[in-house]
Amino acid sequence: MEIPDEGVSIVITVKNEGRNLMELFSGLTSQEQPFEVVLVDSESTDSTADVVKQYQENFRINHIVKKTTRGEGRNLGVENASYDRIVFIDGDVTVSADFISSYRKLFKQGYELIAGEVISSGVEKFKLGRVELVYRGFEITRPSANLGYRKELFLKIGGFDPAFVTAEDIDLNLRAIKNGAKHWQCQECIVYNKTRSNYREFMKQAFWNGYGRRQLKRKNREIWSTIEKGPKVGSGPVFPHLVRLASGALGYLYAFIH
């Protein structure tokens, strides 16, 4: 059967996100067709497989079980996607009512890289914004929790670099912009994600973000001086900011000596 050109492949990597997937899939049931979900499952041991079975009659789900890193999993998802229009999201998000249709309209206009909006909910003190990096007018720190790519461009630039622990999405965006990708920031393409729930998780996230930033700088040292550091997105209490700064610095140092 011929696959219509206007289809969208939603690529998601997960491990033990069954509870969150239930909420995400519930929101996807009312989205504009045609679309599919390519779920790369890094050997979950929770209810993930049961949730997939529950929603397979609502929309097409390609459930791939293989132990991978986040970047490797997303590359595998794209390889197995039926459509040329790819949207990356995380397994712990929910989506706006017109999420897929908003992406589809922009893909039809010829955009190759589309950055959606990520709105955080959860513990207020952990709602700290990212520090923007801007390259040739595009914020390359737009995360793969909500990011659209044409498959042709994605494959042309080599996909996600599996060497990255985090910041693989920043590295991908940077290569896309270097390649001259036609890009857009979509304010109507919205996902809602959850903040970390405690300081241990928060510090771990900040540590690996710092590690990823060092990996990013090391890989792109030749053009690093041309990347602008934009204003920090969002605000919050002083103490969590200091904790994130210290944890990120430790991660950066750890990457520096490894």
C-alpha atoms as a PDB file:
ATOM      1  CA  MET A   1       0.000   0.000   0.000  1.00  0.00           C
ATOM      2  CA  GLU A   2       1.343   3.428  -0.915  1.00  0.00           C
ATOM      3  CA  ILE A   3       2.075   5.638   2.078  1.00  0.00           C
ATOM      4  CA  PRO A   4       0.702   9.205   1.739  1.00  0.00           C
ATOM      5  CA  ASP A   5       3.335  11.947   1.584  1.00  0.00           C
ATOM      6  CA  GLU A   6       1.660  14.042   4.276  1.00  0.00           C
ATOM      7  CA  GLY A   7       2.199  11.436   7.017  1.00  0.00           C
ATOM      8  CA  VAL A   8       4.189  12.239  10.161  1.00  0.00           C
ATOM      9  CA  SER A   9       6.355   9.804  12.139  1.00  0.00           C
ATOM     10  CA  ILE A  10       6.552  10.518  15.877  1.00  0.00           C
ATOM     11  CA  VAL A  11       9.847   9.075  17.167  1.00  0.00           C
ATOM     12  CA  ILE A  12      10.049   8.409  20.901  1.00  0.00           C
ATOM     13  CA  THR A  13      12.777   6.722  22.957  1.00  0.00           C
ATOM     14  CA  VAL A  14      11.763   5.309  26.331  1.00  0.00           C
ATOM     15  CA  LYS A  15      12.770   3.151  29.243  1.00  0.00           C
ATOM     16  CA  ASN A  16      10.152   2.390  31.886  1.00  0.00           C
ATOM     17  CA  GLU A  17       7.823   5.231  30.913  1.00  0.00           C
ATOM     18  CA  GLY A  18       4.634   3.150  30.889  1.00  0.00           C
ATOM     19  CA  ARG A  19       2.703   5.419  33.219  1.00  0.00           C
ATOM     20  CA  ASN A  20       3.646   8.539  31.267  1.00  0.00           C
ATOM     21  CA  LEU A  21       3.037   6.864  27.894  1.00  0.00           C
ATOM     22  CA  MET A  22      -0.557   6.211  28.890  1.00  0.00           C
ATOM     23  CA  GLU A  23      -1.142   9.946  29.211  1.00  0.00           C
ATOM     24  CA  LEU A  24       0.798  10.763  26.039  1.00  0.00           C
ATOM     25  CA  PHE A  25      -0.965   8.151  23.895  1.00  0.00           C
ATOM     26  CA  SER A  26      -4.338   9.273  25.195  1.00  0.00           C
ATOM     27  CA  GLY A  27      -3.601  12.750  23.816  1.00  0.00           C
ATOM     28  CA  LEU A  28      -2.420  11.366  20.504  1.00  0.00           C
ATOM     29  CA  THR A  29      -5.668   9.510  19.808  1.00  0.00           C
ATOM     30  CA  SER A  30      -7.433  12.724  18.762  1.00  0.00           C
ATOM     31  CA  GLN A  31      -4.579  14.042  16.569  1.00  0.00           C
ATOM     32  CA  GLU A  32      -4.998  14.588  12.845  1.00  0.00           C
ATOM     33  CA  GLN A  33      -4.147  11.525  10.740  1.00  0.00           C
ATOM     34  CA  PRO A  34      -2.109  10.168   9.053  1.00  0.00           C
ATOM     35  CA  PHE A  35       0.670   9.621  11.569  1.00  0.00           C
ATOM     36  CA  GLU A  36       2.531   6.800  13.260  1.00  0.00           C
ATOM     37  CA  VAL A  37       4.492   6.348  16.469  1.00  0.00           C
ATOM     38  CA  VAL A  38       7.926   4.728  16.294  1.00  0.00           C
ATOM     39  CA  LEU A  39       8.658   3.754  19.892  1.00  0.00           C
ATOM     40  CA  VAL A  40      12.235   2.660  20.587  1.00  0.00           C
ATOM     41  CA  ASP A  41      12.104   0.903  23.938  1.00  0.00           C
ATOM     42  CA  SER A  42      15.420   0.324  25.721  1.00  0.00           C
ATOM     43  CA  GLU A  43      14.236  -2.934  27.308  1.00  0.00           C
ATOM     44  CA  SER A  44      11.633  -1.543  29.678  1.00  0.00           C
ATOM     45  CA  THR A  45      10.523  -3.781  32.534  1.00  0.00           C
ATOM     46  CA  ASP A  46       7.364  -1.879  33.466  1.00  0.00           C
ATOM     47  CA  SER A  47       3.955  -1.607  31.766  1.00  0.00           C
ATOM     48  CA  THR A  48       5.263  -0.108  28.501  1.00  0.00           C
ATOM     49  CA  ALA A  49       4.411  -3.141  26.350  1.00  0.00           C
ATOM     50  CA  ASP A  50       0.888  -3.302  27.819  1.00  0.00           C
ATOM     51  CA  VAL A  51       0.286   0.377  27.051  1.00  0.00           C
ATOM     52  CA  VAL A  52       1.418  -0.182  23.461  1.00  0.00           C
ATOM     53  CA  LYS A  53      -1.035  -3.062  23.055  1.00  0.00           C
ATOM     54  CA  GLN A  54      -3.842  -0.950  24.496  1.00  0.00           C
ATOM     55  CA  TYR A  55      -3.394   1.850  21.936  1.00  0.00           C
ATOM     56  CA  GLN A  56      -2.422  -0.084  18.796  1.00  0.00           C
ATOM     57  CA  GLU A  57      -5.994   0.088  17.520  1.00  0.00           C
ATOM     58  CA  ASN A  58      -6.048   3.878  17.848  1.00  0.00           C
ATOM     59  CA  PHE A  59      -3.006   4.617  15.696  1.00  0.00           C
ATOM     60  CA  ARG A  60      -0.085   2.753  14.194  1.00  0.00           C
ATOM     61  CA  ILE A  61       2.704   1.950  16.686  1.00  0.00           C
ATOM     62  CA  ASN A  62       6.012   0.435  15.646  1.00  0.00           C
ATOM     63  CA  HIS A  63       7.379  -0.901  18.943  1.00  0.00           C
ATOM     64  CA  ILE A  64      11.112  -1.639  18.704  1.00  0.00           C
ATOM     65  CA  VAL A  65      12.750  -3.190  21.768  1.00  0.00           C
ATOM     66  CA  LYS A  66      16.518  -2.723  21.845  1.00  0.00           C
ATOM     67  CA  LYS A  67      18.922  -1.455  24.478  1.00  0.00           C
ATOM     68  CA  THR A  68      20.249   1.868  23.191  1.00  0.00           C
ATOM     69  CA  THR A  69      21.411   5.288  24.255  1.00  0.00           C
ATOM     70  CA  ARG A  70      19.054   8.172  23.555  1.00  0.00           C
ATOM     71  CA  GLY A  71      20.856   9.213  20.378  1.00  0.00           C
ATOM     72  CA  GLU A  72      21.181   5.654  19.096  1.00  0.00           C
ATOM     73  CA  GLY A  73      17.502   5.027  19.803  1.00  0.00           C
ATOM     74  CA  ARG A  74      16.375   8.081  17.888  1.00  0.00           C
ATOM     75  CA  ASN A  75      18.575   7.150  14.944  1.00  0.00           C
ATOM     76  CA  LEU A  76      17.021   3.681  14.983  1.00  0.00           C
ATOM     77  CA  GLY A  77      13.566   5.252  15.126  1.00  0.00           C
ATOM     78  CA  VAL A  78      14.236   7.357  12.030  1.00  0.00           C
ATOM     79  CA  GLU A  79      15.602   4.328  10.169  1.00  0.00           C
ATOM     80  CA  ASN A  80      12.304   2.549  10.833  1.00  0.00           C
ATOM     81  CA  ALA A  81      10.017   5.542  10.181  1.00  0.00           C
ATOM     82  CA  SER A  82       7.546   5.201   7.302  1.00  0.00           C
ATOM     83  CA  TYR A  83       7.322   8.919   6.570  1.00  0.00           C
ATOM     84  CA  ASP A  84       9.725  11.659   5.565  1.00  0.00           C
ATOM     85  CA  ARG A  85       8.361  14.053   8.199  1.00  0.00           C
ATOM     86  CA  ILE A  86       9.890  13.206  11.586  1.00  0.00           C
ATOM     87  CA  VAL A  87       8.930  14.671  14.955  1.00  0.00           C
ATOM     88  CA  PHE A  88      10.961  13.788  18.056  1.00  0.00           C
ATOM     89  CA  ILE A  89       9.310  13.912  21.468  1.00  0.00           C
ATOM     90  CA  ASP A  90       9.996  12.333  24.866  1.00  0.00           C
ATOM     91  CA  GLY A  91       7.942   9.631  26.524  1.00  0.00           C
ATOM     92  CA  ASP A  92       7.033  11.795  29.523  1.00  0.00           C
ATOM     93  CA  VAL A  93       5.345  14.648  27.644  1.00  0.00           C
ATOM     94  CA  THR A  94       1.794  15.428  26.610  1.00  0.00           C
ATOM     95  CA  VAL A  95       0.928  17.298  23.418  1.00  0.00           C
ATOM     96  CA  SER A  96      -1.326  20.170  22.431  1.00  0.00           C
ATOM     97  CA  ALA A  97      -4.601  19.429  20.614  1.00  0.00           C
ATOM     98  CA  ASP A  98      -3.319  20.543  17.183  1.00  0.00           C
ATOM     99  CA  PHE A  99       0.243  19.314  17.664  1.00  0.00           C
ATOM    100  CA  ILE A 100       0.561  17.113  14.569  1.00  0.00           C
ATOM    101  CA  SER A 101      -1.499  19.343  12.278  1.00  0.00           C
ATOM    102  CA  SER A 102       0.683  22.346  13.207  1.00  0.00           C
ATOM    103  CA  TYR A 103       3.839  20.446  12.311  1.00  0.00           C
ATOM    104  CA  ARG A 104       2.260  19.122   9.118  1.00  0.00           C
ATOM    105  CA  LYS A 105       1.418  22.629   7.862  1.00  0.00           C
ATOM    106  CA  LEU A 106       5.019  23.778   8.290  1.00  0.00           C
ATOM    107  CA  PHE A 107       6.482  20.670   6.669  1.00  0.00           C
ATOM    108  CA  LYS A 108       4.189  21.315   3.687  1.00  0.00           C
ATOM    109  CA  GLN A 109       5.665  24.823   3.451  1.00  0.00           C
ATOM    110  CA  GLY A 110       9.092  23.295   2.902  1.00  0.00           C
ATOM    111  CA  TYR A 111      10.677  23.694   6.317  1.00  0.00           C
ATOM    112  CA  GLU A 112      13.327  21.054   7.077  1.00  0.00           C
ATOM    113  CA  LEU A 113      13.934  21.865  10.757  1.00  0.00           C
ATOM    114  CA  ILE A 114      11.071  22.902  13.029  1.00  0.00           C
ATOM    115  CA  ALA A 115      11.529  23.684  16.708  1.00  0.00           C
ATOM    116  CA  GLY A 116       8.428  23.382  18.869  1.00  0.00           C
ATOM    117  CA  GLU A 117       7.683  24.840  22.283  1.00  0.00           C
ATOM    118  CA  VAL A 118       8.289  22.972  25.558  1.00  0.00           C
ATOM    119  CA  ILE A 119       6.269  24.087  28.580  1.00  0.00           C
ATOM    120  CA  SER A 120       7.273  22.647  31.953  1.00  0.00           C
ATOM    121  CA  SER A 121       4.959  21.626  34.756  1.00  0.00           C
ATOM    122  CA  GLY A 122       5.688  20.113  38.145  1.00  0.00           C
ATOM    123  CA  VAL A 123       7.876  21.284  41.032  1.00  0.00           C
ATOM    124  CA  GLU A 124       8.037  25.060  40.727  1.00  0.00           C
ATOM    125  CA  LYS A 125      11.591  25.526  42.039  1.00  0.00           C
ATOM    126  CA  PHE A 126      12.940  23.174  39.362  1.00  0.00           C
ATOM    127  CA  LYS A 127      11.373  25.099  36.448  1.00  0.00           C
ATOM    128  CA  LEU A 128      14.666  26.617  35.418  1.00  0.00           C
ATOM    129  CA  GLY A 129      15.136  27.712  31.841  1.00  0.00           C
ATOM    130  CA  ARG A 130      17.934  26.666  29.514  1.00  0.00           C
ATOM    131  CA  VAL A 131      20.864  28.865  28.528  1.00  0.00           C
ATOM    132  CA  GLU A 132      20.421  29.550  24.826  1.00  0.00           C
ATOM    133  CA  LEU A 133      23.078  28.990  22.216  1.00  0.00           C
ATOM    134  CA  VAL A 134      22.338  30.789  18.948  1.00  0.00           C
ATOM    135  CA  TYR A 135      24.036  29.982  15.644  1.00  0.00           C
ATOM    136  CA  ARG A 136      23.286  31.918  12.481  1.00  0.00           C
ATOM    137  CA  GLY A 137      20.082  33.264  13.995  1.00  0.00           C
ATOM    138  CA  PHE A 138      18.678  29.908  15.187  1.00  0.00           C
ATOM    139  CA  GLU A 139      18.549  28.769  18.797  1.00  0.00           C
ATOM    140  CA  ILE A 140      20.325  25.421  18.523  1.00  0.00           C
ATOM    141  CA  THR A 141      19.485  24.584  22.152  1.00  0.00           C
ATOM    142  CA  ARG A 142      15.891  23.831  21.140  1.00  0.00           C
ATOM    143  CA  PRO A 143      15.491  20.341  22.663  1.00  0.00           C
ATOM    144  CA  SER A 144      14.555  17.062  21.012  1.00  0.00           C
ATOM    145  CA  ALA A 145      11.669  16.784  23.456  1.00  0.00           C
ATOM    146  CA  ASN A 146       9.876  18.656  20.639  1.00  0.00           C
ATOM    147  CA  LEU A 147      11.764  18.871  17.384  1.00  0.00           C
ATOM    148  CA  GLY A 148      10.816  18.251  13.742  1.00  0.00           C
ATOM    149  CA  TYR A 149      13.136  17.154  10.914  1.00  0.00           C
ATOM    150  CA  ARG A 150      12.777  16.091   7.329  1.00  0.00           C
ATOM    151  CA  LYS A 151      14.228  12.600   7.123  1.00  0.00           C
ATOM    152  CA  GLU A 152      16.296  13.528   4.080  1.00  0.00           C
ATOM    153  CA  LEU A 153      18.088  16.282   6.011  1.00  0.00           C
ATOM    154  CA  PHE A 154      18.465  14.137   9.125  1.00  0.00           C
ATOM    155  CA  LEU A 155      20.178  11.345   7.214  1.00  0.00           C
ATOM    156  CA  LYS A 156      22.259  13.763   5.145  1.00  0.00           C
ATOM    157  CA  ILE A 157      23.882  15.276   8.249  1.00  0.00           C
ATOM    158  CA  GLY A 158      24.408  11.900   9.899  1.00  0.00           C
ATOM    159  CA  GLY A 159      21.663  11.844  12.527  1.00  0.00           C
ATOM    160  CA  PHE A 160      22.373  12.065  16.251  1.00  0.00           C
ATOM    161  CA  ASP A 161      25.981  11.563  17.303  1.00  0.00           C
ATOM    162  CA  PRO A 162      25.889   8.500  19.624  1.00  0.00           C
ATOM    163  CA  ALA A 163      29.066   9.693  21.378  1.00  0.00           C
ATOM    164  CA  PHE A 164      27.035  12.354  23.208  1.00  0.00           C
ATOM    165  CA  VAL A 165      25.597  11.635  26.649  1.00  0.00           C
ATOM    166  CA  THR A 166      23.421  14.753  26.438  1.00  0.00           C
ATOM    167  CA  ALA A 167      23.428  17.765  24.085  1.00  0.00           C
ATOM    168  CA  GLU A 168      23.102  15.402  21.118  1.00  0.00           C
ATOM    169  CA  ASP A 169      20.132  17.491  20.007  1.00  0.00           C
ATOM    170  CA  ILE A 170      22.177  20.718  20.139  1.00  0.00           C
ATOM    171  CA  ASP A 171      24.893  19.082  18.075  1.00  0.00           C
ATOM    172  CA  LEU A 172      22.309  17.887  15.544  1.00  0.00           C
ATOM    173  CA  ASN A 173      20.737  21.339  15.246  1.00  0.00           C
ATOM    174  CA  LEU A 174      24.150  22.929  14.817  1.00  0.00           C
ATOM    175  CA  ARG A 175      25.005  20.609  11.923  1.00  0.00           C
ATOM    176  CA  ALA A 176      21.620  21.228  10.340  1.00  0.00           C
ATOM    177  CA  ILE A 177      22.100  24.996  10.410  1.00  0.00           C
ATOM    178  CA  LYS A 178      25.659  24.648   9.075  1.00  0.00           C
ATOM    179  CA  ASN A 179      24.113  22.645   6.239  1.00  0.00           C
ATOM    180  CA  GLY A 180      21.755  25.535   5.407  1.00  0.00           C
ATOM    181  CA  ALA A 181      18.519  23.935   6.657  1.00  0.00           C
ATOM    182  CA  LYS A 182      15.332  25.916   6.115  1.00  0.00           C
ATOM    183  CA  HIS A 183      14.081  26.335   9.684  1.00  0.00           C
ATOM    184  CA  TRP A 184      11.192  27.695  11.719  1.00  0.00           C
ATOM    185  CA  GLN A 185      10.213  28.026  15.372  1.00  0.00           C
ATOM    186  CA  CYS A 186       6.628  26.845  15.825  1.00  0.00           C
ATOM    187  CA  GLN A 187       4.769  28.428  18.749  1.00  0.00           C
ATOM    188  CA  GLU A 188       1.696  26.262  18.069  1.00  0.00           C
ATOM    189  CA  CYS A 189       3.649  22.957  18.273  1.00  0.00           C
ATOM    190  CA  ILE A 190       3.485  22.538  22.054  1.00  0.00           C
ATOM    191  CA  VAL A 191       4.466  19.742  24.412  1.00  0.00           C
ATOM    192  CA  TYR A 192       4.129  19.793  28.185  1.00  0.00           C
ATOM    193  CA  ASN A 193       6.838  18.042  30.172  1.00  0.00           C
ATOM    194  CA  LYS A 194       7.457  17.431  33.848  1.00  0.00           C
ATOM    195  CA  THR A 195      10.305  18.909  35.858  1.00  0.00           C
ATOM    196  CA  ARG A 196      12.545  16.777  38.041  1.00  0.00           C
ATOM    197  CA  SER A 197      10.808  15.943  41.317  1.00  0.00           C
ATOM    198  CA  ASN A 198      13.748  16.150  43.762  1.00  0.00           C
ATOM    199  CA  TYR A 199      17.231  17.586  44.107  1.00  0.00           C
ATOM    200  CA  ARG A 200      18.960  14.276  43.381  1.00  0.00           C
ATOM    201  CA  GLU A 201      17.330  14.000  39.948  1.00  0.00           C
ATOM    202  CA  PHE A 202      17.801  17.720  39.356  1.00  0.00           C
ATOM    203  CA  MET A 203      21.533  17.608  40.130  1.00  0.00           C
ATOM    204  CA  LYS A 204      22.022  14.507  37.984  1.00  0.00           C
ATOM    205  CA  GLN A 205      20.348  16.246  35.040  1.00  0.00           C
ATOM    206  CA  ALA A 206      22.486  19.372  35.499  1.00  0.00           C
ATOM    207  CA  PHE A 207      25.678  17.305  35.799  1.00  0.00           C
ATOM    208  CA  TRP A 208      25.119  15.510  32.488  1.00  0.00           C
ATOM    209  CA  ASN A 209      24.007  18.731  30.815  1.00  0.00           C
ATOM    210  CA  GLY A 210      27.357  20.211  31.800  1.00  0.00           C
ATOM    211  CA  TYR A 211      29.108  17.112  30.476  1.00  0.00           C
ATOM    212  CA  GLY A 212      27.257  17.451  27.179  1.00  0.00           C
ATOM    213  CA  ARG A 213      28.155  21.133  26.822  1.00  0.00           C
ATOM    214  CA  ARG A 214      31.841  20.248  27.130  1.00  0.00           C
ATOM    215  CA  GLN A 215      31.448  17.501  24.511  1.00  0.00           C
ATOM    216  CA  LEU A 216      29.727  20.028  22.253  1.00  0.00           C
ATOM    217  CA  LYS A 217      32.459  22.639  22.625  1.00  0.00           C
ATOM    218  CA  ARG A 218      35.215  20.078  22.080  1.00  0.00           C
ATOM    219  CA  LYS A 219      33.637  18.754  18.887  1.00  0.00           C
ATOM    220  CA  ASN A 220      32.927  22.232  17.496  1.00  0.00           C
ATOM    221  CA  ARG A 221      35.958  24.157  18.764  1.00  0.00           C
ATOM    222  CA  GLU A 222      36.679  25.619  15.325  1.00  0.00           C
ATOM    223  CA  ILE A 223      33.387  27.517  15.179  1.00  0.00           C
ATOM    224  CA  TRP A 224      32.635  27.871  18.896  1.00  0.00           C
ATOM    225  CA  SER A 225      33.536  31.560  18.934  1.00  0.00           C
ATOM    226  CA  THR A 226      30.797  32.232  16.350  1.00  0.00           C
ATOM    227  CA  ILE A 227      28.069  30.733  18.564  1.00  0.00           C
ATOM    228  CA  GLU A 228      26.246  33.366  20.599  1.00  0.00           C
ATOM    229  CA  LYS A 229      25.156  32.773  24.170  1.00  0.00           C
ATOM    230  CA  GLY A 230      21.630  34.135  24.444  1.00  0.00           C
ATOM    231  CA  PRO A 231      19.668  35.114  27.540  1.00  0.00           C
ATOM    232  CA  LYS A 232      18.701  32.399  29.988  1.00  0.00           C
ATOM    233  CA  VAL A 233      15.117  31.283  29.397  1.00  0.00           C
ATOM    234  CA  GLY A 234      12.887  31.430  32.461  1.00  0.00           C
ATOM    235  CA  SER A 235      13.658  32.326  36.073  1.00  0.00           C
ATOM    236  CA  GLY A 236      13.331  30.813  39.498  1.00  0.00           C
ATOM    237  CA  PRO A 237      14.635  30.760  43.090  1.00  0.00           C
ATOM    238  CA  VAL A 238      18.319  31.521  43.636  1.00  0.00           C
ATOM    239  CA  PHE A 239      19.286  28.292  45.442  1.00  0.00           C
ATOM    240  CA  PRO A 240      18.225  25.868  42.665  1.00  0.00           C
ATOM    241  CA  HIS A 241      20.087  28.069  40.183  1.00  0.00           C
ATOM    242  CA  LEU A 242      23.248  27.763  42.281  1.00  0.00           C
ATOM    243  CA  VAL A 243      22.788  23.999  42.611  1.00  0.00           C
ATOM    244  CA  ARG A 244      22.381  23.639  38.858  1.00  0.00           C
ATOM    245  CA  LEU A 245      25.389  25.844  38.173  1.00  0.00           C
ATOM    246  CA  ALA A 246      27.601  23.833  40.545  1.00  0.00           C
ATOM    247  CA  SER A 247      26.383  20.461  39.243  1.00  0.00           C
ATOM    248  CA  GLY A 248      26.791  21.560  35.642  1.00  0.00           C
ATOM    249  CA  ALA A 249      30.319  22.797  36.357  1.00  0.00           C
ATOM    250  CA  LEU A 250      31.233  19.410  37.841  1.00  0.00           C
ATOM    251  CA  GLY A 251      29.860  17.664  34.754  1.00  0.00           C
ATOM    252  CA  TYR A 252      31.795  20.015  32.488  1.00  0.00           C
ATOM    253  CA  LEU A 253      35.004  19.338  34.438  1.00  0.00           C
ATOM    254  CA  TYR A 254      34.380  15.588  34.365  1.00  0.00           C
ATOM    255  CA  ALA A 255      34.056  15.686  30.581  1.00  0.00           C
ATOM    256  CA  PHE A 256      37.164  17.865  30.358  1.00  0.00           C
ATOM    257  CA  ILE A 257      39.387  15.254  32.035  1.00  0.00           C
ATOM    258  CA  HIS A 258      37.879  12.265  30.207  1.00  0.00           C
END
